[in-house]
Structure formats: C-alpha cells, structure tokens
Amino acid sequence: MTEKRVVVTGVATINPLGNDVDTSWDNLIAGKSGIGPITQFDASEFNSQIAGEV
C-alpha cells in the first residue's frame, strides 16, 4: 500500500460557538451550547423555534 501524506496548513471555523478556532474551542470546553431560540427572523410559523444560528 502506498503511503499518502497530508499537510494541514490552517484551521478555520464558523459555527454557533464562535467565528474562530480559539473562541469555538474555549466555548466548547466551557460546556456552552450554540443552540437556542431563533432570533434572526420570525420563526413562529415553523414547528421548531430553536436552532444553531451562525
């Protein structure tokens, strides 16, 4: 079997816990959740009013 090499040149993230790796990691380790009530638009017509907003 031929070995394949991989080089990771950077890490990025945009998620409900933060828009950068350090903030996301700190919030994850602190046990925070990125899930909560939808605030960016009126979700009253939908069955669910919770989401992980980004």
PDB file of N, CA and C in Angstrom:
ATOM      1  N   MET A   1       0.844  -1.183   0.000  1.00  0.00           N
ATOM      2  CA  MET A   1       0.000   0.000   0.000  1.00  0.00           C
ATOM      3  C   MET A   1       0.889   1.246   0.000  1.00  0.00           C
ATOM      4  N   THR A   2       0.570   2.204  -0.837  1.00  0.00           N
ATOM      5  CA  THR A   2       1.329   3.438  -0.928  1.00  0.00           C
ATOM      6  C   THR A   2       0.879   4.413   0.149  1.00  0.00           C
ATOM      7  N   GLU A   3       1.841   4.974   0.870  1.00  0.00           N
ATOM      8  CA  GLU A   3       1.515   5.975   1.890  1.00  0.00           C
ATOM      9  C   GLU A   3       1.161   7.290   1.232  1.00  0.00           C
ATOM     10  N   LYS A   4       0.142   7.948   1.755  1.00  0.00           N
ATOM     11  CA  LYS A   4      -0.239   9.275   1.285  1.00  0.00           C
ATOM     12  C   LYS A   4       0.020  10.257   2.408  1.00  0.00           C
ATOM     13  N   ARG A   5       0.599  11.392   2.071  1.00  0.00           N
ATOM     14  CA  ARG A   5       0.911  12.400   3.069  1.00  0.00           C
ATOM     15  C   ARG A   5      -0.079  13.551   2.962  1.00  0.00           C
ATOM     16  N   VAL A   6      -0.398  14.104   4.104  1.00  0.00           N
ATOM     17  CA  VAL A   6      -1.326  15.223   4.176  1.00  0.00           C
ATOM     18  C   VAL A   6      -0.676  16.331   4.994  1.00  0.00           C
ATOM     19  N   VAL A   7      -0.812  17.558   4.538  1.00  0.00           N
ATOM     20  CA  VAL A   7      -0.302  18.708   5.273  1.00  0.00           C
ATOM     21  C   VAL A   7      -1.481  19.613   5.602  1.00  0.00           C
ATOM     22  N   VAL A   8      -1.678  19.883   6.885  1.00  0.00           N
ATOM     23  CA  VAL A   8      -2.726  20.806   7.316  1.00  0.00           C
ATOM     24  C   VAL A   8      -2.083  22.181   7.423  1.00  0.00           C
ATOM     25  N   THR A   9      -2.577  23.119   6.609  1.00  0.00           N
ATOM     26  CA  THR A   9      -1.944  24.440   6.575  1.00  0.00           C
ATOM     27  C   THR A   9      -2.691  25.468   7.410  1.00  0.00           C
ATOM     28  N   GLY A  10      -3.866  25.116   7.896  1.00  0.00           N
ATOM     29  CA  GLY A  10      -4.617  26.050   8.720  1.00  0.00           C
ATOM     30  C   GLY A  10      -5.910  25.415   9.196  1.00  0.00           C
ATOM     31  N   VAL A  11      -6.501  26.024  10.187  1.00  0.00           N
ATOM     32  CA  VAL A  11      -7.769  25.547  10.721  1.00  0.00           C
ATOM     33  C   VAL A  11      -8.691  26.755  10.846  1.00  0.00           C
ATOM     34  N   ALA A  12      -9.921  26.599  10.371  1.00  0.00           N
ATOM     35  CA  ALA A  12     -10.896  27.688  10.462  1.00  0.00           C
ATOM     36  C   ALA A  12     -12.260  27.109  10.803  1.00  0.00           C
ATOM     37  N   THR A  13     -13.108  27.944  11.350  1.00  0.00           N
ATOM     38  CA  THR A  13     -14.461  27.511  11.678  1.00  0.00           C
ATOM     39  C   THR A  13     -15.378  28.720  11.794  1.00  0.00           C
ATOM     40  N   ILE A  14     -16.604  28.502  11.402  1.00  0.00           N
ATOM     41  CA  ILE A  14     -17.682  29.455  11.674  1.00  0.00           C
ATOM     42  C   ILE A  14     -18.851  28.599  12.156  1.00  0.00           C
ATOM     43  N   ASN A  15     -19.237  28.764  13.401  1.00  0.00           N
ATOM     44  CA  ASN A  15     -20.291  27.937  13.979  1.00  0.00           C
ATOM     45  C   ASN A  15     -20.956  28.715  15.116  1.00  0.00           C
ATOM     46  N   PRO A  16     -22.032  28.174  15.691  1.00  0.00           N
ATOM     47  CA  PRO A  16     -22.747  28.904  16.740  1.00  0.00           C
ATOM     48  C   PRO A  16     -21.926  29.204  18.000  1.00  0.00           C
ATOM     49  N   LEU A  17     -20.806  28.530  18.186  1.00  0.00           N
ATOM     50  CA  LEU A  17     -19.976  28.774  19.375  1.00  0.00           C
ATOM     51  C   LEU A  17     -18.923  29.847  19.153  1.00  0.00           C
ATOM     52  N   GLY A  18     -18.717  30.252  17.917  1.00  0.00           N
ATOM     53  CA  GLY A  18     -17.728  31.288  17.645  1.00  0.00           C
ATOM     54  C   GLY A  18     -17.303  31.308  16.197  1.00  0.00           C
ATOM     55  N   ASN A  19     -16.704  32.395  15.804  1.00  0.00           N
ATOM     56  CA  ASN A  19     -16.288  32.553  14.407  1.00  0.00           C
ATOM     57  C   ASN A  19     -14.800  32.362  14.195  1.00  0.00           C
ATOM     58  N   ASP A  20     -14.124  31.851  15.204  1.00  0.00           N
ATOM     59  CA  ASP A  20     -12.721  31.499  15.055  1.00  0.00           C
ATOM     60  C   ASP A  20     -12.434  30.289  15.938  1.00  0.00           C
ATOM     61  N   VAL A  21     -11.322  29.650  15.672  1.00  0.00           N
ATOM     62  CA  VAL A  21     -10.993  28.391  16.360  1.00  0.00           C
ATOM     63  C   VAL A  21     -10.861  28.585  17.868  1.00  0.00           C
ATOM     64  N   ASP A  22     -10.144  29.616  18.292  1.00  0.00           N
ATOM     65  CA  ASP A  22      -9.908  29.810  19.735  1.00  0.00           C
ATOM     66  C   ASP A  22     -11.211  30.038  20.498  1.00  0.00           C
ATOM     67  N   THR A  23     -12.081  30.889  19.982  1.00  0.00           N
ATOM     68  CA  THR A  23     -13.360  31.165  20.650  1.00  0.00           C
ATOM     69  C   THR A  23     -14.232  29.919  20.667  1.00  0.00           C
ATOM     70  N   SER A  24     -14.310  29.226  19.541  1.00  0.00           N
ATOM     71  CA  SER A  24     -15.113  27.998  19.462  1.00  0.00           C
ATOM     72  C   SER A  24     -14.620  26.969  20.466  1.00  0.00           C
ATOM     73  N   TRP A  25     -13.308  26.773  20.520  1.00  0.00           N
ATOM     74  CA  TRP A  25     -12.725  25.787  21.437  1.00  0.00           C
ATOM     75  C   TRP A  25     -12.974  26.171  22.886  1.00  0.00           C
ATOM     76  N   ASP A  26     -12.755  27.440  23.223  1.00  0.00           N
ATOM     77  CA  ASP A  26     -12.976  27.893  24.599  1.00  0.00           C
ATOM     78  C   ASP A  26     -14.431  27.685  25.020  1.00  0.00           C
ATOM     79  N   ASN A  27     -15.373  28.004  24.156  1.00  0.00           N
ATOM     80  CA  ASN A  27     -16.793  27.819  24.468  1.00  0.00           C
ATOM     81  C   ASN A  27     -17.161  26.350  24.567  1.00  0.00           C
ATOM     82  N   LEU A  28     -16.576  25.527  23.719  1.00  0.00           N
ATOM     83  CA  LEU A  28     -16.823  24.086  23.775  1.00  0.00           C
ATOM     84  C   LEU A  28     -16.316  23.493  25.083  1.00  0.00           C
ATOM     85  N   ILE A  29     -15.092  23.834  25.461  1.00  0.00           N
ATOM     86  CA  ILE A  29     -14.508  23.341  26.710  1.00  0.00           C
ATOM     87  C   ILE A  29     -15.292  23.844  27.925  1.00  0.00           C
ATOM     88  N   ALA A  30     -15.856  25.048  27.824  1.00  0.00           N
ATOM     89  CA  ALA A  30     -16.635  25.621  28.926  1.00  0.00           C
ATOM     90  C   ALA A  30     -18.031  24.999  29.016  1.00  0.00           C
ATOM     91  N   GLY A  31     -18.365  24.108  28.083  1.00  0.00           N
ATOM     92  CA  GLY A  31     -19.659  23.432  28.120  1.00  0.00           C
ATOM     93  C   GLY A  31     -20.808  24.257  27.581  1.00  0.00           C
ATOM     94  N   LYS A  32     -20.506  25.303  26.834  1.00  0.00           N
ATOM     95  CA  LYS A  32     -21.558  26.154  26.286  1.00  0.00           C
ATOM     96  C   LYS A  32     -22.204  25.480  25.080  1.00  0.00           C
ATOM     97  N   SER A  33     -23.451  25.809  24.843  1.00  0.00           N
ATOM     98  CA  SER A  33     -24.190  25.299  23.695  1.00  0.00           C
ATOM     99  C   SER A  33     -24.442  26.440  22.721  1.00  0.00           C
ATOM    100  N   GLY A  34     -24.352  26.145  21.454  1.00  0.00           N
ATOM    101  CA  GLY A  34     -24.654  27.140  20.434  1.00  0.00           C
ATOM    102  C   GLY A  34     -26.101  27.075  19.989  1.00  0.00           C
ATOM    103  N   ILE A  35     -26.896  26.259  20.644  1.00  0.00           N
ATOM    104  CA  ILE A  35     -28.297  26.068  20.274  1.00  0.00           C
ATOM    105  C   ILE A  35     -29.175  26.916  21.182  1.00  0.00           C
ATOM    106  N   GLY A  36     -30.160  27.581  20.593  1.00  0.00           N
ATOM    107  CA  GLY A  36     -31.054  28.411  21.380  1.00  0.00           C
ATOM    108  C   GLY A  36     -32.200  28.930  20.532  1.00  0.00           C
ATOM    109  N   PRO A  37     -33.022  29.810  21.086  1.00  0.00           N
ATOM    110  CA  PRO A  37     -34.151  30.366  20.341  1.00  0.00           C
ATOM    111  C   PRO A  37     -33.677  31.124  19.093  1.00  0.00           C
ATOM    112  N   ILE A  38     -34.415  30.983  18.018  1.00  0.00           N
ATOM    113  CA  ILE A  38     -34.111  31.717  16.789  1.00  0.00           C
ATOM    114  C   ILE A  38     -34.396  33.195  17.018  1.00  0.00           C
ATOM    115  N   THR A  39     -33.408  34.026  16.716  1.00  0.00           N
ATOM    116  CA  THR A  39     -33.548  35.461  16.949  1.00  0.00           C
ATOM    117  C   THR A  39     -33.387  36.289  15.682  1.00  0.00           C
ATOM    118  N   GLN A  40     -32.893  35.694  14.603  1.00  0.00           N
ATOM    119  CA  GLN A  40     -32.584  36.463  13.403  1.00  0.00           C
ATOM    120  C   GLN A  40     -33.787  36.689  12.485  1.00  0.00           C
ATOM    121  N   PHE A  41     -34.865  35.938  12.704  1.00  0.00           N
ATOM    122  CA  PHE A  41     -36.088  36.124  11.918  1.00  0.00           C
ATOM    123  C   PHE A  41     -37.258  35.557  12.706  1.00  0.00           C
ATOM    124  N   ASP A  42     -38.457  35.859  12.272  1.00  0.00           N
ATOM    125  CA  ASP A  42     -39.662  35.379  12.949  1.00  0.00           C
ATOM    126  C   ASP A  42     -39.904  33.918  12.572  1.00  0.00           C
ATOM    127  N   ALA A  43     -39.688  33.020  13.502  1.00  0.00           N
ATOM    128  CA  ALA A  43     -39.835  31.585  13.252  1.00  0.00           C
ATOM    129  C   ALA A  43     -41.149  31.047  13.790  1.00  0.00           C
ATOM    130  N   SER A  44     -42.076  31.916  14.136  1.00  0.00           N
ATOM    131  CA  SER A  44     -43.323  31.485  14.769  1.00  0.00           C
ATOM    132  C   SER A  44     -44.168  30.568  13.882  1.00  0.00           C
ATOM    133  N   GLU A  45     -43.983  30.610  12.590  1.00  0.00           N
ATOM    134  CA  GLU A  45     -44.766  29.752  11.678  1.00  0.00           C
ATOM    135  C   GLU A  45     -44.156  28.370  11.509  1.00  0.00           C
ATOM    136  N   PHE A  46     -42.978  28.143  12.075  1.00  0.00           N
ATOM    137  CA  PHE A  46     -42.312  26.857  11.952  1.00  0.00           C
ATOM    138  C   PHE A  46     -42.577  25.982  13.171  1.00  0.00           C
ATOM    139  N   ASN A  47     -42.478  24.663  13.008  1.00  0.00           N
ATOM    140  CA  ASN A  47     -42.687  23.736  14.122  1.00  0.00           C
ATOM    141  C   ASN A  47     -41.640  23.906  15.202  1.00  0.00           C
ATOM    142  N   SER A  48     -40.456  24.291  14.829  1.00  0.00           N
ATOM    143  CA  SER A  48     -39.371  24.481  15.798  1.00  0.00           C
ATOM    144  C   SER A  48     -38.914  25.934  15.783  1.00  0.00           C
ATOM    145  N   GLN A  49     -38.650  26.476  16.947  1.00  0.00           N
ATOM    146  CA  GLN A  49     -38.133  27.832  17.058  1.00  0.00           C
ATOM    147  C   GLN A  49     -36.745  27.851  17.684  1.00  0.00           C
ATOM    148  N   ILE A  50     -36.034  26.716  17.626  1.00  0.00           N
ATOM    149  CA  ILE A  50     -34.672  26.675  18.141  1.00  0.00           C
ATOM    150  C   ILE A  50     -33.728  26.297  16.999  1.00  0.00           C
ATOM    151  N   ALA A  51     -32.490  26.764  17.096  1.00  0.00           N
ATOM    152  CA  ALA A  51     -31.507  26.486  16.041  1.00  0.00           C
ATOM    153  C   ALA A  51     -30.112  26.823  16.535  1.00  0.00           C
ATOM    154  N   GLY A  52     -29.143  26.484  15.746  1.00  0.00           N
ATOM    155  CA  GLY A  52     -27.765  26.908  15.968  1.00  0.00           C
ATOM    156  C   GLY A  52     -27.467  27.997  14.946  1.00  0.00           C
ATOM    157  N   GLU A  53     -27.731  29.239  15.316  1.00  0.00           N
ATOM    158  CA  GLU A  53     -27.560  30.342  14.373  1.00  0.00           C
ATOM    159  C   GLU A  53     -26.084  30.706  14.193  1.00  0.00           C
ATOM    160  N   VAL A  54     -25.749  31.033  12.971  1.00  0.00           N
ATOM    161  CA  VAL A  54     -24.383  31.451  12.640  1.00  0.00           C
ATOM    162  C   VAL A  54     -24.459  32.841  12.049  1.00  0.00           C
TER     163      VAL A  54
END
